[in-house]
Amino acid sequence: MYNFKIAETKNFQKIKQQIDKKVYEKIVNIVYPQLKLNPYFGTNIKKLKGKFEGYYRYRIGNYRLFYLIKEETVLIIVTDFRHRQKAYR
Protein backbone atom coordinates (compact mmCIF):
# COMPACT_ATOMS: atom_id res chain seq x y z
CA MET A 1 0.00 0.00 0.00
CA TYR A 2 1.14 3.52 -0.74
CA ASN A 3 1.50 6.37 1.71
CA PHE A 4 -0.94 8.90 0.27
CA LYS A 5 -0.50 12.64 0.61
CA ILE A 6 -3.46 14.83 1.58
CA ALA A 7 -4.49 18.08 -0.09
CA GLU A 8 -7.36 20.34 0.88
CA THR A 9 -9.37 22.26 -1.72
CA LYS A 10 -9.98 26.00 -1.33
CA ASN A 11 -13.61 25.17 -0.57
CA PHE A 12 -12.59 22.90 2.32
CA GLN A 13 -10.12 25.48 3.62
CA LYS A 14 -12.99 28.00 3.87
CA ILE A 15 -15.17 25.43 5.63
CA LYS A 16 -12.48 24.44 8.13
CA GLN A 17 -12.47 28.01 9.49
CA GLN A 18 -16.01 27.32 10.75
CA ILE A 19 -15.36 23.78 12.06
CA ASP A 20 -15.04 23.33 15.81
CA LYS A 21 -11.32 23.18 16.68
CA LYS A 22 -11.69 19.81 18.47
CA VAL A 23 -13.34 18.29 15.40
CA TYR A 24 -10.60 19.61 13.09
CA GLU A 25 -7.93 18.25 15.47
CA LYS A 26 -9.64 14.85 15.23
CA ILE A 27 -9.56 15.11 11.42
CA VAL A 28 -5.84 15.93 11.41
CA ASN A 29 -4.73 13.52 14.16
CA ILE A 30 -7.00 10.51 13.56
CA VAL A 31 -8.69 10.67 10.14
CA TYR A 32 -5.79 11.90 7.98
CA PRO A 33 -3.28 9.27 9.23
CA GLN A 34 -5.84 6.52 8.57
CA LEU A 35 -6.59 7.85 5.07
CA LYS A 36 -2.87 8.10 4.25
CA LEU A 37 -2.49 4.36 4.88
CA ASN A 38 -5.71 3.10 3.27
CA PRO A 39 -8.25 5.59 1.88
CA TYR A 40 -10.37 2.83 0.29
CA PHE A 41 -11.49 0.78 3.25
CA GLY A 42 -12.38 1.28 6.91
CA THR A 43 -15.31 1.20 9.30
CA ASN A 44 -16.16 4.86 8.61
CA ILE A 45 -15.32 4.91 4.89
CA LYS A 46 -17.87 4.47 2.13
CA LYS A 47 -17.58 4.82 -1.65
CA LEU A 48 -20.40 6.99 -2.94
CA LYS A 49 -22.66 6.24 -5.90
CA GLY A 50 -24.96 8.10 -8.28
CA LYS A 51 -24.21 11.77 -8.83
CA PHE A 52 -21.38 11.53 -6.26
CA GLU A 53 -19.64 8.71 -8.16
CA GLY A 54 -15.89 8.72 -7.56
CA TYR A 55 -16.13 10.38 -4.15
CA TYR A 56 -15.59 8.73 -0.80
CA ARG A 57 -16.93 9.82 2.55
CA TYR A 58 -15.52 9.43 6.02
CA ARG A 59 -18.07 9.47 8.84
CA ILE A 60 -17.14 11.56 11.88
CA GLY A 61 -20.11 11.40 14.25
CA ASN A 62 -22.90 13.45 12.68
CA TYR A 63 -20.54 14.92 10.08
CA ARG A 64 -19.20 13.66 6.76
CA LEU A 65 -15.78 14.39 5.27
CA PHE A 66 -15.76 14.01 1.48
CA TYR A 67 -12.68 13.24 -0.59
CA LEU A 68 -11.41 12.08 -3.96
CA ILE A 69 -8.53 9.66 -4.53
CA LYS A 70 -6.01 10.30 -7.30
CA GLU A 71 -4.10 7.02 -7.58
CA GLU A 72 -1.70 8.17 -10.30
CA THR A 73 -0.35 10.94 -8.04
CA VAL A 74 -0.88 9.09 -4.72
CA LEU A 75 -3.03 12.00 -3.51
CA ILE A 76 -6.21 12.39 -1.48
CA ILE A 77 -8.13 15.59 -2.18
CA VAL A 78 -10.37 16.62 0.70
CA THR A 79 -13.27 18.52 -0.88
CA ASP A 80 -16.03 19.07 1.67
CA PHE A 81 -17.19 18.64 5.27
CA ARG A 82 -20.90 18.80 6.14
CA HIS A 83 -23.48 17.79 8.71
CA ARG A 84 -25.12 14.51 7.69
CA GLN A 85 -28.54 16.13 7.21
CA LYS A 86 -27.15 18.50 4.54
CA ALA A 87 -24.40 16.31 3.16
CA TYR A 88 -26.09 14.70 0.16
CA ARG A 89 -28.13 17.61 -1.20
C-alpha atoms as a PDB file:
ATOM      1  CA  MET A   1       0.000   0.000   0.000  1.00  0.00           C
ATOM      2  CA  TYR A   2       1.142   3.522  -0.742  1.00  0.00           C
ATOM      3  CA  ASN A   3       1.499   6.366   1.713  1.00  0.00           C
ATOM      4  CA  PHE A   4      -0.940   8.901   0.271  1.00  0.00           C
ATOM      5  CA  LYS A   5      -0.503  12.642   0.606  1.00  0.00           C
ATOM      6  CA  ILE A   6      -3.456  14.830   1.579  1.00  0.00           C
ATOM      7  CA  ALA A   7      -4.488  18.076  -0.092  1.00  0.00           C
ATOM      8  CA  GLU A   8      -7.363  20.341   0.882  1.00  0.00           C
ATOM      9  CA  THR A   9      -9.371  22.264  -1.719  1.00  0.00           C
ATOM     10  CA  LYS A  10      -9.978  26.002  -1.333  1.00  0.00           C
ATOM     11  CA  ASN A  11     -13.612  25.169  -0.570  1.00  0.00           C
ATOM     12  CA  PHE A  12     -12.591  22.899   2.319  1.00  0.00           C
ATOM     13  CA  GLN A  13     -10.124  25.484   3.624  1.00  0.00           C
ATOM     14  CA  LYS A  14     -12.986  28.000   3.874  1.00  0.00           C
ATOM     15  CA  ILE A  15     -15.172  25.430   5.628  1.00  0.00           C
ATOM     16  CA  LYS A  16     -12.478  24.444   8.129  1.00  0.00           C
ATOM     17  CA  GLN A  17     -12.473  28.005   9.491  1.00  0.00           C
ATOM     18  CA  GLN A  18     -16.013  27.321  10.746  1.00  0.00           C
ATOM     19  CA  ILE A  19     -15.361  23.783  12.059  1.00  0.00           C
ATOM     20  CA  ASP A  20     -15.041  23.329  15.814  1.00  0.00           C
ATOM     21  CA  LYS A  21     -11.320  23.178  16.684  1.00  0.00           C
ATOM     22  CA  LYS A  22     -11.685  19.815  18.470  1.00  0.00           C
ATOM     23  CA  VAL A  23     -13.338  18.286  15.402  1.00  0.00           C
ATOM     24  CA  TYR A  24     -10.598  19.615  13.094  1.00  0.00           C
ATOM     25  CA  GLU A  25      -7.930  18.252  15.471  1.00  0.00           C
ATOM     26  CA  LYS A  26      -9.644  14.852  15.229  1.00  0.00           C
ATOM     27  CA  ILE A  27      -9.562  15.108  11.424  1.00  0.00           C
ATOM     28  CA  VAL A  28      -5.836  15.928  11.411  1.00  0.00           C
ATOM     29  CA  ASN A  29      -4.733  13.520  14.157  1.00  0.00           C
ATOM     30  CA  ILE A  30      -6.999  10.505  13.556  1.00  0.00           C
ATOM     31  CA  VAL A  31      -8.691  10.666  10.144  1.00  0.00           C
ATOM     32  CA  TYR A  32      -5.790  11.903   7.982  1.00  0.00           C
ATOM     33  CA  PRO A  33      -3.278   9.273   9.234  1.00  0.00           C
ATOM     34  CA  GLN A  34      -5.843   6.521   8.573  1.00  0.00           C
ATOM     35  CA  LEU A  35      -6.586   7.854   5.069  1.00  0.00           C
ATOM     36  CA  LYS A  36      -2.873   8.095   4.255  1.00  0.00           C
ATOM     37  CA  LEU A  37      -2.486   4.365   4.878  1.00  0.00           C
ATOM     38  CA  ASN A  38      -5.708   3.096   3.266  1.00  0.00           C
ATOM     39  CA  PRO A  39      -8.251   5.593   1.882  1.00  0.00           C
ATOM     40  CA  TYR A  40     -10.367   2.834   0.288  1.00  0.00           C
ATOM     41  CA  PHE A  41     -11.490   0.784   3.251  1.00  0.00           C
ATOM     42  CA  GLY A  42     -12.385   1.277   6.913  1.00  0.00           C
ATOM     43  CA  THR A  43     -15.307   1.202   9.301  1.00  0.00           C
ATOM     44  CA  ASN A  44     -16.164   4.857   8.608  1.00  0.00           C
ATOM     45  CA  ILE A  45     -15.319   4.911   4.890  1.00  0.00           C
ATOM     46  CA  LYS A  46     -17.872   4.472   2.126  1.00  0.00           C
ATOM     47  CA  LYS A  47     -17.585   4.819  -1.645  1.00  0.00           C
ATOM     48  CA  LEU A  48     -20.397   6.993  -2.938  1.00  0.00           C
ATOM     49  CA  LYS A  49     -22.662   6.235  -5.901  1.00  0.00           C
ATOM     50  CA  GLY A  50     -24.960   8.101  -8.277  1.00  0.00           C
ATOM     51  CA  LYS A  51     -24.211  11.773  -8.827  1.00  0.00           C
ATOM     52  CA  PHE A  52     -21.384  11.529  -6.257  1.00  0.00           C
ATOM     53  CA  GLU A  53     -19.642   8.707  -8.159  1.00  0.00           C
ATOM     54  CA  GLY A  54     -15.892   8.715  -7.563  1.00  0.00           C
ATOM     55  CA  TYR A  55     -16.128  10.377  -4.150  1.00  0.00           C
ATOM     56  CA  TYR A  56     -15.595   8.729  -0.804  1.00  0.00           C
ATOM     57  CA  ARG A  57     -16.934   9.821   2.548  1.00  0.00           C
ATOM     58  CA  TYR A  58     -15.519   9.435   6.020  1.00  0.00           C
ATOM     59  CA  ARG A  59     -18.069   9.471   8.842  1.00  0.00           C
ATOM     60  CA  ILE A  60     -17.142  11.560  11.884  1.00  0.00           C
ATOM     61  CA  GLY A  61     -20.115  11.399  14.252  1.00  0.00           C
ATOM     62  CA  ASN A  62     -22.902  13.451  12.677  1.00  0.00           C
ATOM     63  CA  TYR A  63     -20.537  14.918  10.078  1.00  0.00           C
ATOM     64  CA  ARG A  64     -19.199  13.655   6.760  1.00  0.00           C
ATOM     65  CA  LEU A  65     -15.782  14.390   5.270  1.00  0.00           C
ATOM     66  CA  PHE A  66     -15.756  14.007   1.480  1.00  0.00           C
ATOM     67  CA  TYR A  67     -12.679  13.244  -0.590  1.00  0.00           C
ATOM     68  CA  LEU A  68     -11.406  12.075  -3.961  1.00  0.00           C
ATOM     69  CA  ILE A  69      -8.534   9.659  -4.533  1.00  0.00           C
ATOM     70  CA  LYS A  70      -6.007  10.301  -7.304  1.00  0.00           C
ATOM     71  CA  GLU A  71      -4.101   7.016  -7.581  1.00  0.00           C
ATOM     72  CA  GLU A  72      -1.703   8.172 -10.296  1.00  0.00           C
ATOM     73  CA  THR A  73      -0.346  10.944  -8.041  1.00  0.00           C
ATOM     74  CA  VAL A  74      -0.885   9.090  -4.716  1.00  0.00           C
ATOM     75  CA  LEU A  75      -3.026  11.996  -3.511  1.00  0.00           C
ATOM     76  CA  ILE A  76      -6.213  12.385  -1.482  1.00  0.00           C
ATOM     77  CA  ILE A  77      -8.130  15.591  -2.184  1.00  0.00           C
ATOM     78  CA  VAL A  78     -10.369  16.624   0.702  1.00  0.00           C
ATOM     79  CA  THR A  79     -13.265  18.521  -0.877  1.00  0.00           C
ATOM     80  CA  ASP A  80     -16.033  19.072   1.675  1.00  0.00           C
ATOM     81  CA  PHE A  81     -17.194  18.639   5.268  1.00  0.00           C
ATOM     82  CA  ARG A  82     -20.901  18.798   6.140  1.00  0.00           C
ATOM     83  CA  HIS A  83     -23.478  17.786   8.710  1.00  0.00           C
ATOM     84  CA  ARG A  84     -25.118  14.510   7.689  1.00  0.00           C
ATOM     85  CA  GLN A  85     -28.538  16.130   7.207  1.00  0.00           C
ATOM     86  CA  LYS A  86     -27.151  18.497   4.540  1.00  0.00           C
ATOM     87  CA  ALA A  87     -24.403  16.306   3.157  1.00  0.00           C
ATOM     88  CA  TYR A  88     -26.088  14.695   0.161  1.00  0.00           C
ATOM     89  CA  ARG A  89     -28.129  17.614  -1.196  1.00  0.00           C
END
